[in-house]
PDB file of all heavy atoms in Angstrom:
ATOM      1  N   TRP A   1      83.995-101.317 -81.892  1.00  0.00           N
ATOM      2  CA  TRP A   1      83.517-101.820 -80.609  1.00  0.00           C
ATOM      3  C   TRP A   1      82.524-100.864 -79.969  1.00  0.00           C
ATOM      4  O   TRP A   1      81.527-101.296 -79.391  1.00  0.00           O
ATOM      5  CB  TRP A   1      84.692-102.106 -79.679  1.00  0.00           C
ATOM      6  CG  TRP A   1      85.555-103.247 -80.139  1.00  0.00           C
ATOM      7  CD1 TRP A   1      85.156-104.370 -80.822  1.00  0.00           C
ATOM      8  CD2 TRP A   1      86.952-103.375 -79.951  1.00  0.00           C
ATOM      9  NE1 TRP A   1      86.236-105.178 -81.060  1.00  0.00           N
ATOM     10  CE2 TRP A   1      87.353-104.602 -80.542  1.00  0.00           C
ATOM     11  CE3 TRP A   1      87.925-102.591 -79.339  1.00  0.00           C
ATOM     12  CZ2 TRP A   1      88.669-105.055 -80.528  1.00  0.00           C
ATOM     13  CZ3 TRP A   1      89.238-103.035 -79.341  1.00  0.00           C
ATOM     14  CH2 TRP A   1      89.605-104.252 -79.927  1.00  0.00           C
ATOM     15  N   CYS A   2      82.776 -99.575 -80.046  1.00  0.00           N
ATOM     16  CA  CYS A   2      81.835 -98.598 -79.501  1.00  0.00           C
ATOM     17  C   CYS A   2      80.502 -98.663 -80.243  1.00  0.00           C
ATOM     18  O   CYS A   2      79.440 -98.650 -79.618  1.00  0.00           O
ATOM     19  CB  CYS A   2      82.420 -97.186 -79.555  1.00  0.00           C
ATOM     20  SG  CYS A   2      83.661 -96.882 -78.285  1.00  0.00           S
ATOM     21  N   ALA A   3      80.551 -98.744 -81.550  1.00  0.00           N
ATOM     22  CA  ALA A   3      79.320 -98.839 -82.343  1.00  0.00           C
ATOM     23  C   ALA A   3      78.526-100.083 -81.952  1.00  0.00           C
ATOM     24  O   ALA A   3      77.296-100.026 -81.809  1.00  0.00           O
ATOM     25  CB  ALA A   3      79.652 -98.849 -83.832  1.00  0.00           C
ATOM     26  N   GLU A   4      79.220-101.197 -81.761  1.00  0.00           N
ATOM     27  CA  GLU A   4      78.550-102.438 -81.346  1.00  0.00           C
ATOM     28  C   GLU A   4      77.858-102.279 -80.001  1.00  0.00           C
ATOM     29  O   GLU A   4      76.843-102.930 -79.737  1.00  0.00           O
ATOM     30  CB  GLU A   4      79.558-103.589 -81.272  1.00  0.00           C
ATOM     31  CG  GLU A   4      80.040-104.081 -82.607  1.00  0.00           C
ATOM     32  CD  GLU A   4      81.201-105.063 -82.502  1.00  0.00           C
ATOM     33  OE1 GLU A   4      81.595-105.444 -81.370  1.00  0.00           O
ATOM     34  OE2 GLU A   4      81.726-105.451 -83.559  1.00  0.00           O
ATOM     35  N   GLU A   5      78.408-101.428 -79.147  1.00  0.00           N
ATOM     36  CA  GLU A   5      77.838-101.192 -77.817  1.00  0.00           C
ATOM     37  C   GLU A   5      76.848-100.031 -77.808  1.00  0.00           C
ATOM     38  O   GLU A   5      76.347 -99.651 -76.758  1.00  0.00           O
ATOM     39  CB  GLU A   5      78.965-100.926 -76.802  1.00  0.00           C
ATOM     40  CG  GLU A   5      79.891-102.101 -76.578  1.00  0.00           C
ATOM     41  CD  GLU A   5      79.181-103.319 -76.000  1.00  0.00           C
ATOM     42  OE1 GLU A   5      78.225-103.146 -75.219  1.00  0.00           O
ATOM     43  OE2 GLU A   5      79.581-104.447 -76.334  1.00  0.00           O
ATOM     44  N   GLY A   6      76.588 -99.457 -78.975  1.00  0.00           N
ATOM     45  CA  GLY A   6      75.661 -98.337 -79.058  1.00  0.00           C
ATOM     46  C   GLY A   6      76.215 -97.052 -78.489  1.00  0.00           C
ATOM     47  O   GLY A   6      75.464 -96.198 -78.009  1.00  0.00           O
ATOM     48  N   MET A   7      77.527 -96.907 -78.559  1.00  0.00           N
ATOM     49  CA  MET A   7      78.203 -95.741 -77.992  1.00  0.00           C
ATOM     50  C   MET A   7      78.897 -94.951 -79.100  1.00  0.00           C
ATOM     51  O   MET A   7      79.343 -95.520 -80.086  1.00  0.00           O
ATOM     52  CB  MET A   7      79.254 -96.195 -76.974  1.00  0.00           C
ATOM     53  CG  MET A   7      78.697 -97.015 -75.831  1.00  0.00           C
ATOM     54  SD  MET A   7      79.994 -97.864 -74.890  1.00  0.00           S
ATOM     55  CE  MET A   7      80.631 -96.520 -73.912  1.00  0.00           C
ATOM     56  N   GLU A   8      78.996 -93.661 -78.899  1.00  0.00           N
ATOM     57  CA  GLU A   8      79.817 -92.818 -79.763  1.00  0.00           C
ATOM     58  C   GLU A   8      81.182 -92.667 -79.102  1.00  0.00           C
ATOM     59  O   GLU A   8      81.279 -92.703 -77.867  1.00  0.00           O
ATOM     60  CB  GLU A   8      79.208 -91.429 -79.901  1.00  0.00           C
ATOM     61  CG  GLU A   8      77.898 -91.356 -80.621  1.00  0.00           C
ATOM     62  CD  GLU A   8      77.399 -89.923 -80.666  1.00  0.00           C
ATOM     63  OE1 GLU A   8      78.138 -89.055 -81.178  1.00  0.00           O
ATOM     64  OE2 GLU A   8      76.306 -89.680 -80.146  1.00  0.00           O
ATOM     65  N   CYS A   9      82.210 -92.469 -79.926  1.00  0.00           N
ATOM     66  CA  CYS A   9      83.529 -92.225 -79.337  1.00  0.00           C
ATOM     67  C   CYS A   9      84.290 -91.195 -80.152  1.00  0.00           C
ATOM     68  O   CYS A   9      84.037 -91.002 -81.339  1.00  0.00           O
ATOM     69  CB  CYS A   9      84.334 -93.516 -79.217  1.00  0.00           C
ATOM     70  SG  CYS A   9      84.924 -94.200 -80.783  1.00  0.00           S
ATOM     71  N   GLU A  10      85.191 -90.555 -79.456  1.00  0.00           N
ATOM     72  CA  GLU A  10      86.183 -89.683 -80.089  1.00  0.00           C
ATOM     73  C   GLU A  10      87.534 -90.207 -79.656  1.00  0.00           C
ATOM     74  O   GLU A  10      87.729 -90.517 -78.477  1.00  0.00           O
ATOM     75  CB  GLU A  10      86.006 -88.242 -79.637  1.00  0.00           C
ATOM     76  CG  GLU A  10      87.019 -87.285 -80.257  1.00  0.00           C
ATOM     77  CD  GLU A  10      86.808 -85.847 -79.803  1.00  0.00           C
ATOM     78  OE1 GLU A  10      85.650 -85.382 -79.776  1.00  0.00           O
ATOM     79  OE2 GLU A  10      87.819 -85.195 -79.464  1.00  0.00           O
ATOM     80  N   LEU A  11      88.451 -90.329 -80.603  1.00  0.00           N
ATOM     81  CA  LEU A  11      89.797 -90.811 -80.303  1.00  0.00           C
ATOM     82  C   LEU A  11      90.773 -89.655 -80.360  1.00  0.00           C
ATOM     83  O   LEU A  11      90.663 -88.772 -81.219  1.00  0.00           O
ATOM     84  CB  LEU A  11      90.204 -91.893 -81.289  1.00  0.00           C
ATOM     85  CG  LEU A  11      89.451 -93.196 -81.078  1.00  0.00           C
ATOM     86  CD1 LEU A  11      88.655 -93.574 -82.285  1.00  0.00           C
ATOM     87  CD2 LEU A  11      90.388 -94.287 -80.664  1.00  0.00           C
ATOM     88  N   PHE A  12      91.728 -89.686 -79.445  1.00  0.00           N
ATOM     89  CA  PHE A  12      92.722 -88.626 -79.360  1.00  0.00           C
ATOM     90  C   PHE A  12      94.059 -89.247 -78.983  1.00  0.00           C
ATOM     91  O   PHE A  12      94.121 -90.064 -78.062  1.00  0.00           O
ATOM     92  CB  PHE A  12      92.296 -87.612 -78.287  1.00  0.00           C
ATOM     93  CG  PHE A  12      93.281 -86.511 -78.047  1.00  0.00           C
ATOM     94  CD1 PHE A  12      93.418 -85.475 -78.950  1.00  0.00           C
ATOM     95  CD2 PHE A  12      94.071 -86.509 -76.905  1.00  0.00           C
ATOM     96  CE1 PHE A  12      94.332 -84.451 -78.718  1.00  0.00           C
ATOM     97  CE2 PHE A  12      94.982 -85.491 -76.666  1.00  0.00           C
ATOM     98  CZ  PHE A  12      95.107 -84.456 -77.574  1.00  0.00           C
ATOM     99  N   GLN A  13      95.110 -88.870 -79.704  1.00  0.00           N
ATOM    100  CA  GLN A  13      96.457 -89.336 -79.382  1.00  0.00           C
ATOM    101  C   GLN A  13      97.396 -88.146 -79.430  1.00  0.00           C
ATOM    102  O   GLN A  13      97.314 -87.303 -80.330  1.00  0.00           O
ATOM    103  CB  GLN A  13      96.927 -90.399 -80.374  1.00  0.00           C
ATOM    104  CG  GLN A  13      98.235 -91.097 -79.997  1.00  0.00           C
ATOM    105  CD  GLN A  13      99.511 -90.300 -80.319  1.00  0.00           C
ATOM    106  OE1 GLN A  13      99.579 -89.598 -81.327  1.00  0.00           O
ATOM    107  NE2 GLN A  13     100.513 -90.412 -79.467  1.00  0.00           N
ATOM    108  N   THR A  14      98.281 -88.092 -78.446  1.00  0.00           N
ATOM    109  CA  THR A  14      99.299 -87.051 -78.433  1.00  0.00           C
ATOM    110  C   THR A  14     100.527 -87.559 -77.698  1.00  0.00           C
ATOM    111  O   THR A  14     100.437 -88.467 -76.873  1.00  0.00           O
ATOM    112  CB  THR A  14      98.784 -85.757 -77.763  1.00  0.00           C
ATOM    113  OG1 THR A  14      99.806 -84.746 -77.847  1.00  0.00           O
ATOM    114  CG2 THR A  14      98.436 -85.987 -76.301  1.00  0.00           C
ATOM    115  N   ASN A  15     101.643 -86.956 -78.005  1.00  0.00           N
ATOM    116  CA  ASN A  15     102.887 -87.256 -77.309  1.00  0.00           C
ATOM    117  C   ASN A  15     103.179 -86.225 -76.214  1.00  0.00           C
ATOM    118  O   ASN A  15     104.246 -86.263 -75.612  1.00  0.00           O
ATOM    119  CB  ASN A  15     104.044 -87.297 -78.315  1.00  0.00           C
ATOM    120  CG  ASN A  15     103.889 -88.432 -79.293  1.00  0.00           C
ATOM    121  OD1 ASN A  15     103.507 -89.541 -78.928  1.00  0.00           O
ATOM    122  ND2 ASN A  15     104.150 -88.171 -80.568  1.00  0.00           N
ATOM    123  N   HIS A  16     102.223 -85.328 -75.961  1.00  0.00           N
ATOM    124  CA  HIS A  16     102.454 -84.197 -75.064  1.00  0.00           C
ATOM    125  C   HIS A  16     101.531 -84.244 -73.845  1.00  0.00           C
ATOM    126  O   HIS A  16     100.303 -84.252 -73.977  1.00  0.00           O
ATOM    127  CB  HIS A  16     102.259 -82.893 -75.824  1.00  0.00           C
ATOM    128  CG  HIS A  16     103.106 -82.816 -77.053  1.00  0.00           C
ATOM    129  ND1 HIS A  16     104.458 -82.546 -77.013  1.00  0.00           N
ATOM    130  CD2 HIS A  16     102.817 -83.049 -78.356  1.00  0.00           C
ATOM    131  CE1 HIS A  16     104.946 -82.589 -78.234  1.00  0.00           C
ATOM    132  NE2 HIS A  16     103.978 -82.891 -79.072  1.00  0.00           N
ATOM    133  N   GLU A  17     102.125 -84.227 -72.678  1.00  0.00           N
ATOM    134  CA  GLU A  17     101.379 -84.321 -71.426  1.00  0.00           C
ATOM    135  C   GLU A  17     100.329 -83.214 -71.286  1.00  0.00           C
ATOM    136  O   GLU A  17      99.176 -83.478 -70.926  1.00  0.00           O
ATOM    137  CB  GLU A  17     102.349 -84.276 -70.243  1.00  0.00           C
ATOM    138  CG  GLU A  17     101.700 -84.373 -68.895  1.00  0.00           C
ATOM    139  CD  GLU A  17     102.722 -84.302 -67.761  1.00  0.00           C
ATOM    140  OE1 GLU A  17     103.838 -83.772 -67.962  1.00  0.00           O
ATOM    141  OE2 GLU A  17     102.382 -84.782 -66.671  1.00  0.00           O
ATOM    142  N   GLY A  18     100.712 -81.994 -71.566  1.00  0.00           N
ATOM    143  CA  GLY A  18      99.778 -80.873 -71.432  1.00  0.00           C
ATOM    144  C   GLY A  18      98.581 -81.001 -72.358  1.00  0.00           C
ATOM    145  O   GLY A  18      97.471 -80.591 -72.005  1.00  0.00           O
ATOM    146  N   ALA A  19      98.793 -81.569 -73.534  1.00  0.00           N
ATOM    147  CA  ALA A  19      97.676 -81.768 -74.472  1.00  0.00           C
ATOM    148  C   ALA A  19      96.675 -82.780 -73.911  1.00  0.00           C
ATOM    149  O   ALA A  19      95.466 -82.644 -74.117  1.00  0.00           O
ATOM    150  CB  ALA A  19      98.204 -82.223 -75.829  1.00  0.00           C
ATOM    151  N   ILE A  20      97.178 -83.780 -73.185  1.00  0.00           N
ATOM    152  CA  ILE A  20      96.276 -84.748 -72.536  1.00  0.00           C
ATOM    153  C   ILE A  20      95.476 -84.044 -71.443  1.00  0.00           C
ATOM    154  O   ILE A  20      94.257 -84.222 -71.347  1.00  0.00           O
ATOM    155  CB  ILE A  20      97.057 -85.950 -71.977  1.00  0.00           C
ATOM    156  CG1 ILE A  20      97.677 -86.755 -73.122  1.00  0.00           C
ATOM    157  CG2 ILE A  20      96.142 -86.836 -71.126  1.00  0.00           C
ATOM    158  CD1 ILE A  20      98.637 -87.855 -72.681  1.00  0.00           C
ATOM    159  N   VAL A  21      96.142 -83.241 -70.636  1.00  0.00           N
ATOM    160  CA  VAL A  21      95.453 -82.482 -69.588  1.00  0.00           C
ATOM    161  C   VAL A  21      94.384 -81.581 -70.206  1.00  0.00           C
ATOM    162  O   VAL A  21      93.238 -81.548 -69.745  1.00  0.00           O
ATOM    163  CB  VAL A  21      96.457 -81.664 -68.739  1.00  0.00           C
ATOM    164  CG1 VAL A  21      95.739 -80.704 -67.806  1.00  0.00           C
ATOM    165  CG2 VAL A  21      97.378 -82.602 -67.965  1.00  0.00           C
ATOM    166  N   ASP A  22      94.745 -80.868 -71.277  1.00  0.00           N
ATOM    167  CA  ASP A  22      93.781 -79.985 -71.951  1.00  0.00           C
ATOM    168  C   ASP A  22      92.586 -80.774 -72.469  1.00  0.00           C
ATOM    169  O   ASP A  22      91.434 -80.345 -72.328  1.00  0.00           O
ATOM    170  CB  ASP A  22      94.438 -79.248 -73.121  1.00  0.00           C
ATOM    171  CG  ASP A  22      95.423 -78.182 -72.683  1.00  0.00           C
ATOM    172  OD1 ASP A  22      95.393 -77.766 -71.503  1.00  0.00           O
ATOM    173  OD2 ASP A  22      96.246 -77.771 -73.534  1.00  0.00           O
ATOM    174  N   LYS A  23      92.832 -81.930 -73.068  1.00  0.00           N
ATOM    175  CA  LYS A  23      91.746 -82.739 -73.632  1.00  0.00           C
ATOM    176  C   LYS A  23      90.818 -83.254 -72.534  1.00  0.00           C
ATOM    177  O   LYS A  23      89.596 -83.265 -72.713  1.00  0.00           O
ATOM    178  CB  LYS A  23      92.333 -83.911 -74.439  1.00  0.00           C
ATOM    179  CG  LYS A  23      91.319 -84.580 -75.314  1.00  0.00           C
ATOM    180  CD  LYS A  23      90.872 -83.653 -76.437  1.00  0.00           C
ATOM    181  CE  LYS A  23      89.961 -84.347 -77.412  1.00  0.00           C
ATOM    182  NZ  LYS A  23      89.502 -83.451 -78.473  1.00  0.00           N
ATOM    183  N   ILE A  24      91.385 -83.668 -71.414  1.00  0.00           N
ATOM    184  CA  ILE A  24      90.557 -84.111 -70.283  1.00  0.00           C
ATOM    185  C   ILE A  24      89.688 -82.953 -69.791  1.00  0.00           C
ATOM    186  O   ILE A  24      88.489 -83.112 -69.567  1.00  0.00           O
ATOM    187  CB  ILE A  24      91.435 -84.672 -69.142  1.00  0.00           C
ATOM    188  CG1 ILE A  24      92.087 -85.991 -69.582  1.00  0.00           C
ATOM    189  CG2 ILE A  24      90.612 -84.861 -67.866  1.00  0.00           C
ATOM    190  CD1 ILE A  24      93.209 -86.461 -68.664  1.00  0.00           C
TER     191      ILE A  24
END
């Protein structure tokens, strides 16, 4: 979907709240 919209994306998944904060 990102490619169709001409966008690049990075995907990230974690089960840890702090890892989400760090990634943001």
